[in-house]
Amino acid sequence: MPEISRFLGIVIKMFYDDHNPPHFHVEYNEYLAEINIETLEVSAGNIPARVYSLVLEWASQHRKELMDDWNLAKSNEQPNKIKPLV
């Protein structure tokens, strides 16, 4: 599963040829979650509220890039790195 971004101990990844709807995976310590790209809601798993707010801020800034990466990964192509939250 390619890592597309990392910031403040949060790791953002995407699987190749993953199931719909478009989403990305968040890892933070022992927490794992899937975040829907369109709604930015947690669709599976859980992460602490503070981490979720940081991920929301980051994803809001990079939604187009996330969809572009989703389309690459769906085609079994390497997704691009996305700048971390600054």
PDB file of N, CA and C in Angstrom:
ATOM      1  N   MET A   1       0.859  -1.170   0.000  1.00  0.00           N
ATOM      2  CA  MET A   1       0.000   0.000   0.000  1.00  0.00           C
ATOM      3  C   MET A   1       0.902   1.229   0.000  1.00  0.00           C
ATOM      4  N   PRO A   2       0.877   2.016  -1.078  1.00  0.00           N
ATOM      5  CA  PRO A   2       1.750   3.190  -1.160  1.00  0.00           C
ATOM      6  C   PRO A   2       1.384   4.285  -0.158  1.00  0.00           C
ATOM      7  N   GLU A   3       2.424   4.828   0.441  1.00  0.00           N
ATOM      8  CA  GLU A   3       2.261   5.981   1.334  1.00  0.00           C
ATOM      9  C   GLU A   3       2.238   7.228   0.468  1.00  0.00           C
ATOM     10  N   ILE A   4       1.205   8.057   0.643  1.00  0.00           N
ATOM     11  CA  ILE A   4       1.132   9.265  -0.174  1.00  0.00           C
ATOM     12  C   ILE A   4       1.442  10.537   0.604  1.00  0.00           C
ATOM     13  N   SER A   5       1.371  10.471   1.946  1.00  0.00           N
ATOM     14  CA  SER A   5       1.736  11.631   2.757  1.00  0.00           C
ATOM     15  C   SER A   5       1.993  11.189   4.197  1.00  0.00           C
ATOM     16  N   ARG A   6       2.739  12.027   4.914  1.00  0.00           N
ATOM     17  CA  ARG A   6       3.046  11.772   6.325  1.00  0.00           C
ATOM     18  C   ARG A   6       3.261  13.107   7.015  1.00  0.00           C
ATOM     19  N   PHE A   7       2.582  13.302   8.147  1.00  0.00           N
ATOM     20  CA  PHE A   7       2.754  14.543   8.920  1.00  0.00           C
ATOM     21  C   PHE A   7       2.297  14.294  10.352  1.00  0.00           C
ATOM     22  N   LEU A   8       3.024  14.858  11.297  1.00  0.00           N
ATOM     23  CA  LEU A   8       2.672  14.823  12.716  1.00  0.00           C
ATOM     24  C   LEU A   8       2.365  13.403  13.216  1.00  0.00           C
ATOM     25  N   GLY A   9       3.083  12.420  12.704  1.00  0.00           N
ATOM     26  CA  GLY A   9       2.876  11.030  13.107  1.00  0.00           C
ATOM     27  C   GLY A   9       1.708  10.351  12.411  1.00  0.00           C
ATOM     28  N   ILE A  10       1.061  11.052  11.496  1.00  0.00           N
ATOM     29  CA  ILE A  10      -0.090  10.526  10.744  1.00  0.00           C
ATOM     30  C   ILE A  10       0.421  10.060   9.382  1.00  0.00           C
ATOM     31  N   VAL A  11       0.044   8.848   8.997  1.00  0.00           N
ATOM     32  CA  VAL A  11       0.460   8.299   7.707  1.00  0.00           C
ATOM     33  C   VAL A  11      -0.789   8.114   6.850  1.00  0.00           C
ATOM     34  N   ILE A  12      -0.729   8.622   5.619  1.00  0.00           N
ATOM     35  CA  ILE A  12      -1.832   8.528   4.672  1.00  0.00           C
ATOM     36  C   ILE A  12      -1.402   7.573   3.563  1.00  0.00           C
ATOM     37  N   LYS A  13      -2.256   6.566   3.273  1.00  0.00           N
ATOM     38  CA  LYS A  13      -1.941   5.558   2.267  1.00  0.00           C
ATOM     39  C   LYS A  13      -3.149   5.290   1.382  1.00  0.00           C
ATOM     40  N   MET A  14      -2.873   4.651   0.230  1.00  0.00           N
ATOM     41  CA  MET A  14      -3.924   4.161  -0.660  1.00  0.00           C
ATOM     42  C   MET A  14      -3.537   2.774  -1.138  1.00  0.00           C
ATOM     43  N   PHE A  15      -4.517   1.889  -1.202  1.00  0.00           N
ATOM     44  CA  PHE A  15      -4.316   0.566  -1.786  1.00  0.00           C
ATOM     45  C   PHE A  15      -4.433   0.659  -3.301  1.00  0.00           C
ATOM     46  N   TYR A  16      -3.717  -0.235  -4.000  1.00  0.00           N
ATOM     47  CA  TYR A  16      -3.928  -0.385  -5.434  1.00  0.00           C
ATOM     48  C   TYR A  16      -5.249  -1.096  -5.656  1.00  0.00           C
ATOM     49  N   ASP A  17      -5.986  -0.684  -6.685  1.00  0.00           N
ATOM     50  CA  ASP A  17      -7.220  -1.348  -7.112  1.00  0.00           C
ATOM     51  C   ASP A  17      -8.164  -1.613  -5.941  1.00  0.00           C
ATOM     52  N   ASP A  18      -8.353  -0.612  -5.087  1.00  0.00           N
ATOM     53  CA  ASP A  18      -9.189  -0.736  -3.889  1.00  0.00           C
ATOM     54  C   ASP A  18     -10.668  -0.601  -4.252  1.00  0.00           C
ATOM     55  N   HIS A  19     -11.540  -0.981  -3.322  1.00  0.00           N
ATOM     56  CA  HIS A  19     -12.987  -0.929  -3.519  1.00  0.00           C
ATOM     57  C   HIS A  19     -13.498   0.506  -3.479  1.00  0.00           C
ATOM     58  N   ASN A  20     -14.646   0.741  -4.120  1.00  0.00           N
ATOM     59  CA  ASN A  20     -15.321   2.034  -4.045  1.00  0.00           C
ATOM     60  C   ASN A  20     -16.090   2.123  -2.746  1.00  0.00           C
ATOM     61  N   PRO A  21     -16.451   3.284  -2.244  1.00  0.00           N
ATOM     62  CA  PRO A  21     -16.223   4.601  -2.827  1.00  0.00           C
ATOM     63  C   PRO A  21     -14.774   5.047  -2.650  1.00  0.00           C
ATOM     64  N   PRO A  22     -14.349   6.068  -3.401  1.00  0.00           N
ATOM     65  CA  PRO A  22     -12.980   6.567  -3.278  1.00  0.00           C
ATOM     66  C   PRO A  22     -12.655   6.956  -1.835  1.00  0.00           C
ATOM     67  N   HIS A  23     -11.521   6.460  -1.350  1.00  0.00           N
ATOM     68  CA  HIS A  23     -11.134   6.720   0.038  1.00  0.00           C
ATOM     69  C   HIS A  23      -9.628   6.595   0.195  1.00  0.00           C
ATOM     70  N   PHE A  24      -9.139   7.007   1.351  1.00  0.00           N
ATOM     71  CA  PHE A  24      -7.736   6.811   1.697  1.00  0.00           C
ATOM     72  C   PHE A  24      -7.677   6.243   3.106  1.00  0.00           C
ATOM     73  N   HIS A  25      -6.526   5.691   3.449  1.00  0.00           N
ATOM     74  CA  HIS A  25      -6.324   5.042   4.744  1.00  0.00           C
ATOM     75  C   HIS A  25      -5.449   5.927   5.617  1.00  0.00           C
ATOM     76  N   VAL A  26      -5.805   6.006   6.880  1.00  0.00           N
ATOM     77  CA  VAL A  26      -5.050   6.789   7.863  1.00  0.00           C
ATOM     78  C   VAL A  26      -4.522   5.838   8.929  1.00  0.00           C
ATOM     79  N   GLU A  27      -3.247   5.963   9.238  1.00  0.00           N
ATOM     80  CA  GLU A  27      -2.630   5.221  10.341  1.00  0.00           C
ATOM     81  C   GLU A  27      -2.059   6.234  11.321  1.00  0.00           C
ATOM     82  N   TYR A  28      -2.372   6.033  12.576  1.00  0.00           N
ATOM     83  CA  TYR A  28      -1.819   6.881  13.637  1.00  0.00           C
ATOM     84  C   TYR A  28      -1.655   6.004  14.865  1.00  0.00           C
ATOM     85  N   ASN A  29      -0.406   5.741  15.244  1.00  0.00           N
ATOM     86  CA  ASN A  29      -0.117   4.807  16.331  1.00  0.00           C
ATOM     87  C   ASN A  29      -0.880   3.508  16.102  1.00  0.00           C
ATOM     88  N   GLU A  30      -1.725   3.083  17.036  1.00  0.00           N
ATOM     89  CA  GLU A  30      -2.462   1.825  16.871  1.00  0.00           C
ATOM     90  C   GLU A  30      -3.808   2.024  16.169  1.00  0.00           C
ATOM     91  N   TYR A  31      -4.117   3.239  15.759  1.00  0.00           N
ATOM     92  CA  TYR A  31      -5.407   3.544  15.142  1.00  0.00           C
ATOM     93  C   TYR A  31      -5.337   3.427  13.619  1.00  0.00           C
ATOM     94  N   LEU A  32      -6.412   2.911  13.045  1.00  0.00           N
ATOM     95  CA  LEU A  32      -6.553   2.795  11.595  1.00  0.00           C
ATOM     96  C   LEU A  32      -7.938   3.263  11.202  1.00  0.00           C
ATOM     97  N   ALA A  33      -8.034   3.976  10.081  1.00  0.00           N
ATOM     98  CA  ALA A  33      -9.339   4.426   9.597  1.00  0.00           C
ATOM     99  C   ALA A  33      -9.295   4.594   8.084  1.00  0.00           C
ATOM    100  N   GLU A  34     -10.469   4.490   7.474  1.00  0.00           N
ATOM    101  CA  GLU A  34     -10.660   4.832   6.069  1.00  0.00           C
ATOM    102  C   GLU A  34     -11.465   6.125   6.034  1.00  0.00           C
ATOM    103  N   ILE A  35     -11.057   7.058   5.173  1.00  0.00           N
ATOM    104  CA  ILE A  35     -11.744   8.331   5.032  1.00  0.00           C
ATOM    105  C   ILE A  35     -12.255   8.456   3.599  1.00  0.00           C
ATOM    106  N   ASN A  36     -13.548   8.690   3.447  1.00  0.00           N
ATOM    107  CA  ASN A  36     -14.174   8.874   2.145  1.00  0.00           C
ATOM    108  C   ASN A  36     -13.699  10.210   1.569  1.00  0.00           C
ATOM    109  N   ILE A  37     -13.191  10.211   0.344  1.00  0.00           N
ATOM    110  CA  ILE A  37     -12.650  11.433  -0.251  1.00  0.00           C
ATOM    111  C   ILE A  37     -13.750  12.452  -0.530  1.00  0.00           C
ATOM    112  N   GLU A  38     -14.911  12.001  -0.953  1.00  0.00           N
ATOM    113  CA  GLU A  38     -15.984  12.927  -1.310  1.00  0.00           C
ATOM    114  C   GLU A  38     -16.601  13.594  -0.089  1.00  0.00           C
ATOM    115  N   THR A  39     -16.857  12.817   0.975  1.00  0.00           N
ATOM    116  CA  THR A  39     -17.542  13.361   2.151  1.00  0.00           C
ATOM    117  C   THR A  39     -16.588  13.727   3.284  1.00  0.00           C
ATOM    118  N   LEU A  40     -15.379  13.180   3.237  1.00  0.00           N
ATOM    119  CA  LEU A  40     -14.364  13.309   4.286  1.00  0.00           C
ATOM    120  C   LEU A  40     -14.836  12.731   5.624  1.00  0.00           C
ATOM    121  N   GLU A  41     -15.758  11.796   5.569  1.00  0.00           N
ATOM    122  CA  GLU A  41     -16.232  11.098   6.761  1.00  0.00           C
ATOM    123  C   GLU A  41     -15.450   9.801   6.946  1.00  0.00           C
ATOM    124  N   VAL A  42     -15.333   9.372   8.191  1.00  0.00           N
ATOM    125  CA  VAL A  42     -14.718   8.076   8.490  1.00  0.00           C
ATOM    126  C   VAL A  42     -15.692   7.000   8.042  1.00  0.00           C
ATOM    127  N   SER A  43     -15.249   6.137   7.123  1.00  0.00           N
ATOM    128  CA  SER A  43     -16.122   5.076   6.621  1.00  0.00           C
ATOM    129  C   SER A  43     -15.825   3.727   7.267  1.00  0.00           C
ATOM    130  N   ALA A  44     -14.671   3.609   7.916  1.00  0.00           N
ATOM    131  CA  ALA A  44     -14.321   2.381   8.631  1.00  0.00           C
ATOM    132  C   ALA A  44     -13.221   2.707   9.627  1.00  0.00           C
ATOM    133  N   GLY A  45     -13.179   1.966  10.725  1.00  0.00           N
ATOM    134  CA  GLY A  45     -12.158   2.167  11.742  1.00  0.00           C
ATOM    135  C   GLY A  45     -12.415   3.404  12.574  1.00  0.00           C
ATOM    136  N   ASN A  46     -11.371   3.845  13.288  1.00  0.00           N
ATOM    137  CA  ASN A  46     -11.492   5.066  14.088  1.00  0.00           C
ATOM    138  C   ASN A  46     -10.123   5.660  14.358  1.00  0.00           C
ATOM    139  N   ILE A  47     -10.114   6.948  14.571  1.00  0.00           N
ATOM    140  CA  ILE A  47      -8.913   7.696  14.940  1.00  0.00           C
ATOM    141  C   ILE A  47      -9.333   8.744  15.965  1.00  0.00           C
ATOM    142  N   PRO A  48      -8.391   9.194  16.796  1.00  0.00           N
ATOM    143  CA  PRO A  48      -8.734  10.222  17.781  1.00  0.00           C
ATOM    144  C   PRO A  48      -9.268  11.491  17.109  1.00  0.00           C
ATOM    145  N   ALA A  49     -10.145  12.195  17.803  1.00  0.00           N
ATOM    146  CA  ALA A  49     -10.786  13.396  17.263  1.00  0.00           C
ATOM    147  C   ALA A  49      -9.759  14.433  16.803  1.00  0.00           C
ATOM    148  N   ARG A  50      -8.716  14.632  17.561  1.00  0.00           N
ATOM    149  CA  ARG A  50      -7.691  15.621  17.188  1.00  0.00           C
ATOM    150  C   ARG A  50      -7.004  15.220  15.888  1.00  0.00           C
ATOM    151  N   VAL A  51      -6.696  13.954  15.732  1.00  0.00           N
ATOM    152  CA  VAL A  51      -6.073  13.453  14.501  1.00  0.00           C
ATOM    153  C   VAL A  51      -7.044  13.619  13.337  1.00  0.00           C
ATOM    154  N   TYR A  52      -8.302  13.281  13.556  1.00  0.00           N
ATOM    155  CA  TYR A  52      -9.313  13.427  12.510  1.00  0.00           C
ATOM    156  C   TYR A  52      -9.412  14.879  12.046  1.00  0.00           C
ATOM    157  N   SER A  53      -9.365  15.825  12.970  1.00  0.00           N
ATOM    158  CA  SER A  53      -9.459  17.237  12.574  1.00  0.00           C
ATOM    159  C   SER A  53      -8.244  17.648  11.732  1.00  0.00           C
ATOM    160  N   LEU A  54      -7.070  17.134  12.054  1.00  0.00           N
ATOM    161  CA  LEU A  54      -5.875  17.428  11.253  1.00  0.00           C
ATOM    162  C   LEU A  54      -5.990  16.803   9.865  1.00  0.00           C
ATOM    163  N   VAL A  55      -6.471  15.568   9.809  1.00  0.00           N
ATOM    164  CA  VAL A  55      -6.660  14.883   8.526  1.00  0.00           C
ATOM    165  C   VAL A  55      -7.697  15.628   7.690  1.00  0.00           C
ATOM    166  N   LEU A  56      -8.782  16.086   8.309  1.00  0.00           N
ATOM    167  CA  LEU A  56      -9.795  16.858   7.588  1.00  0.00           C
ATOM    168  C   LEU A  56      -9.202  18.130   6.982  1.00  0.00           C
ATOM    169  N   GLU A  57      -8.410  18.830   7.773  1.00  0.00           N
ATOM    170  CA  GLU A  57      -7.783  20.060   7.284  1.00  0.00           C
ATOM    171  C   GLU A  57      -6.898  19.754   6.083  1.00  0.00           C
ATOM    172  N   TRP A  58      -6.061  18.702   6.201  1.00  0.00           N
ATOM    173  CA  TRP A  58      -5.162  18.308   5.118  1.00  0.00           C
ATOM    174  C   TRP A  58      -5.954  17.880   3.881  1.00  0.00           C
ATOM    175  N   ALA A  59      -6.924  16.998   4.061  1.00  0.00           N
ATOM    176  CA  ALA A  59      -7.687  16.464   2.929  1.00  0.00           C
ATOM    177  C   ALA A  59      -8.491  17.547   2.228  1.00  0.00           C
ATOM    178  N   SER A  60      -8.993  18.519   2.974  1.00  0.00           N
ATOM    179  CA  SER A  60      -9.730  19.627   2.375  1.00  0.00           C
ATOM    180  C   SER A  60      -8.850  20.415   1.414  1.00  0.00           C
ATOM    181  N   GLN A  61      -7.589  20.530   1.746  1.00  0.00           N
ATOM    182  CA  GLN A  61      -6.640  21.270   0.911  1.00  0.00           C
ATOM    183  C   GLN A  61      -6.204  20.472  -0.312  1.00  0.00           C
ATOM    184  N   HIS A  62      -6.372  19.140  -0.273  1.00  0.00           N
ATOM    185  CA  HIS A  62      -5.807  18.276  -1.317  1.00  0.00           C
ATOM    186  C   HIS A  62      -6.831  17.330  -1.942  1.00  0.00           C
ATOM    187  N   ARG A  63      -8.082  17.699  -1.929  1.00  0.00           N
ATOM    188  CA  ARG A  63      -9.128  16.781  -2.412  1.00  0.00           C
ATOM    189  C   ARG A  63      -8.920  16.402  -3.881  1.00  0.00           C
ATOM    190  N   LYS A  64      -8.587  17.348  -4.750  1.00  0.00           N
ATOM    191  CA  LYS A  64      -8.362  17.013  -6.167  1.00  0.00           C
ATOM    192  C   LYS A  64      -7.185  16.058  -6.315  1.00  0.00           C
ATOM    193  N   GLU A  65      -6.108  16.317  -5.600  1.00  0.00           N
ATOM    194  CA  GLU A  65      -4.940  15.432  -5.662  1.00  0.00           C
ATOM    195  C   GLU A  65      -5.286  14.031  -5.152  1.00  0.00           C
ATOM    196  N   LEU A  66      -6.112  13.968  -4.122  1.00  0.00           N
ATOM    197  CA  LEU A  66      -6.543  12.662  -3.604  1.00  0.00           C
ATOM    198  C   LEU A  66      -7.341  11.895  -4.651  1.00  0.00           C
ATOM    199  N   MET A  67      -8.240  12.578  -5.359  1.00  0.00           N
ATOM    200  CA  MET A  67      -9.007  11.903  -6.414  1.00  0.00           C
ATOM    201  C   MET A  67      -8.102  11.484  -7.567  1.00  0.00           C
ATOM    202  N   ASP A  68      -7.135  12.323  -7.906  1.00  0.00           N
ATOM    203  CA  ASP A  68      -6.176  11.952  -8.953  1.00  0.00           C
ATOM    204  C   ASP A  68      -5.399  10.703  -8.531  1.00  0.00           C
ATOM    205  N   ASP A  69      -4.952  10.671  -7.284  1.00  0.00           N
ATOM    206  CA  ASP A  69      -4.230   9.501  -6.772  1.00  0.00           C
ATOM    207  C   ASP A  69      -5.132   8.267  -6.742  1.00  0.00           C
ATOM    208  N   TRP A  70      -6.406   8.454  -6.357  1.00  0.00           N
ATOM    209  CA  TRP A  70      -7.353   7.341  -6.348  1.00  0.00           C
ATOM    210  C   TRP A  70      -7.439   6.716  -7.751  1.00  0.00           C
ATOM    211  N   ASN A  71      -7.561   7.569  -8.764  1.00  0.00           N
ATOM    212  CA  ASN A  71      -7.670   7.070 -10.134  1.00  0.00           C
ATOM    213  C   ASN A  71      -6.391   6.359 -10.581  1.00  0.00           C
ATOM    214  N   LEU A  72      -5.248   6.873 -10.177  1.00  0.00           N
ATOM    215  CA  LEU A  72      -3.991   6.184 -10.487  1.00  0.00           C
ATOM    216  C   LEU A  72      -3.944   4.816  -9.817  1.00  0.00           C
ATOM    217  N   ALA A  73      -4.248   4.785  -8.534  1.00  0.00           N
ATOM    218  CA  ALA A  73      -4.194   3.525  -7.778  1.00  0.00           C
ATOM    219  C   ALA A  73      -5.195   2.512  -8.333  1.00  0.00           C
ATOM    220  N   LYS A  74      -6.386   2.973  -8.727  1.00  0.00           N
ATOM    221  CA  LYS A  74      -7.389   2.076  -9.316  1.00  0.00           C
ATOM    222  C   LYS A  74      -6.864   1.442 -10.596  1.00  0.00           C
ATOM    223  N   SER A  75      -5.966   2.131 -11.292  1.00  0.00           N
ATOM    224  CA  SER A  75      -5.369   1.619 -12.531  1.00  0.00           C
ATOM    225  C   SER A  75      -4.063   0.886 -12.262  1.00  0.00           C
ATOM    226  N   ASN A  76      -3.808   0.582 -10.989  1.00  0.00           N
ATOM    227  CA  ASN A  76      -2.567  -0.089 -10.565  1.00  0.00           C
ATOM    228  C   ASN A  76      -1.318   0.712 -10.900  1.00  0.00           C
ATOM    229  N   GLU A  77      -1.459   2.037 -10.899  1.00  0.00           N
ATOM    230  CA  GLU A  77      -0.317   2.921 -11.108  1.00  0.00           C
ATOM    231  C   GLU A  77       0.069   3.554  -9.780  1.00  0.00           C
ATOM    232  N   GLN A  78       1.324   3.924  -9.670  1.00  0.00           N
ATOM    233  CA  GLN A  78       1.846   4.533  -8.449  1.00  0.00           C
ATOM    234  C   GLN A  78       1.193   5.887  -8.205  1.00  0.00           C
ATOM    235  N   PRO A  79       0.492   6.071  -7.066  1.00  0.00           N
ATOM    236  CA  PRO A  79      -0.050   7.403  -6.754  1.00  0.00           C
ATOM    237  C   PRO A  79       1.075   8.379  -6.430  1.00  0.00           C
ATOM    238  N   ASN A  80       0.793   9.643  -6.629  1.00  0.00           N
ATOM    239  CA  ASN A  80       1.783  10.700  -6.367  1.00  0.00           C
ATOM    240  C   ASN A  80       1.811  11.040  -4.888  1.00  0.00           C
ATOM    241  N   LYS A  81       2.952  11.518  -4.435  1.00  0.00           N
ATOM    242  CA  LYS A  81       3.060  12.036  -3.078  1.00  0.00           C
ATOM    243  C   LYS A  81       2.284  13.354  -2.985  1.00  0.00           C
ATOM    244  N   ILE A  82       1.703  13.593  -1.834  1.00  0.00           N
ATOM    245  CA  ILE A  82       0.960  14.832  -1.585  1.00  0.00           C
ATOM    246  C   ILE A  82       1.638  15.548  -0.417  1.00  0.00           C
ATOM    247  N   LYS A  83       1.805  16.850  -0.558  1.00  0.00           N
ATOM    248  CA  LYS A  83       2.488  17.626   0.484  1.00  0.00           C
ATOM    249  C   LYS A  83       1.794  17.422   1.843  1.00  0.00           C
ATOM    250  N   PRO A  84       2.585  17.364   2.895  1.00  0.00           N
ATOM    251  CA  PRO A  84       2.009  17.212   4.234  1.00  0.00           C
ATOM    252  C   PRO A  84       1.342  18.493   4.705  1.00  0.00           C
ATOM    253  N   LEU A  85       0.608  18.375   5.790  1.00  0.00           N
ATOM    254  CA  LEU A  85      -0.008  19.536   6.423  1.00  0.00           C
ATOM    255  C   LEU A  85       1.097  20.428   6.974  1.00  0.00           C
ATOM    256  N   VAL A  86       0.987  21.715   6.704  1.00  0.00           N
ATOM    257  CA  VAL A  86       2.023  22.646   7.196  1.00  0.00           C
ATOM    258  C   VAL A  86       1.420  23.625   8.173  1.00  0.00           C
TER     259      VAL A  86
END
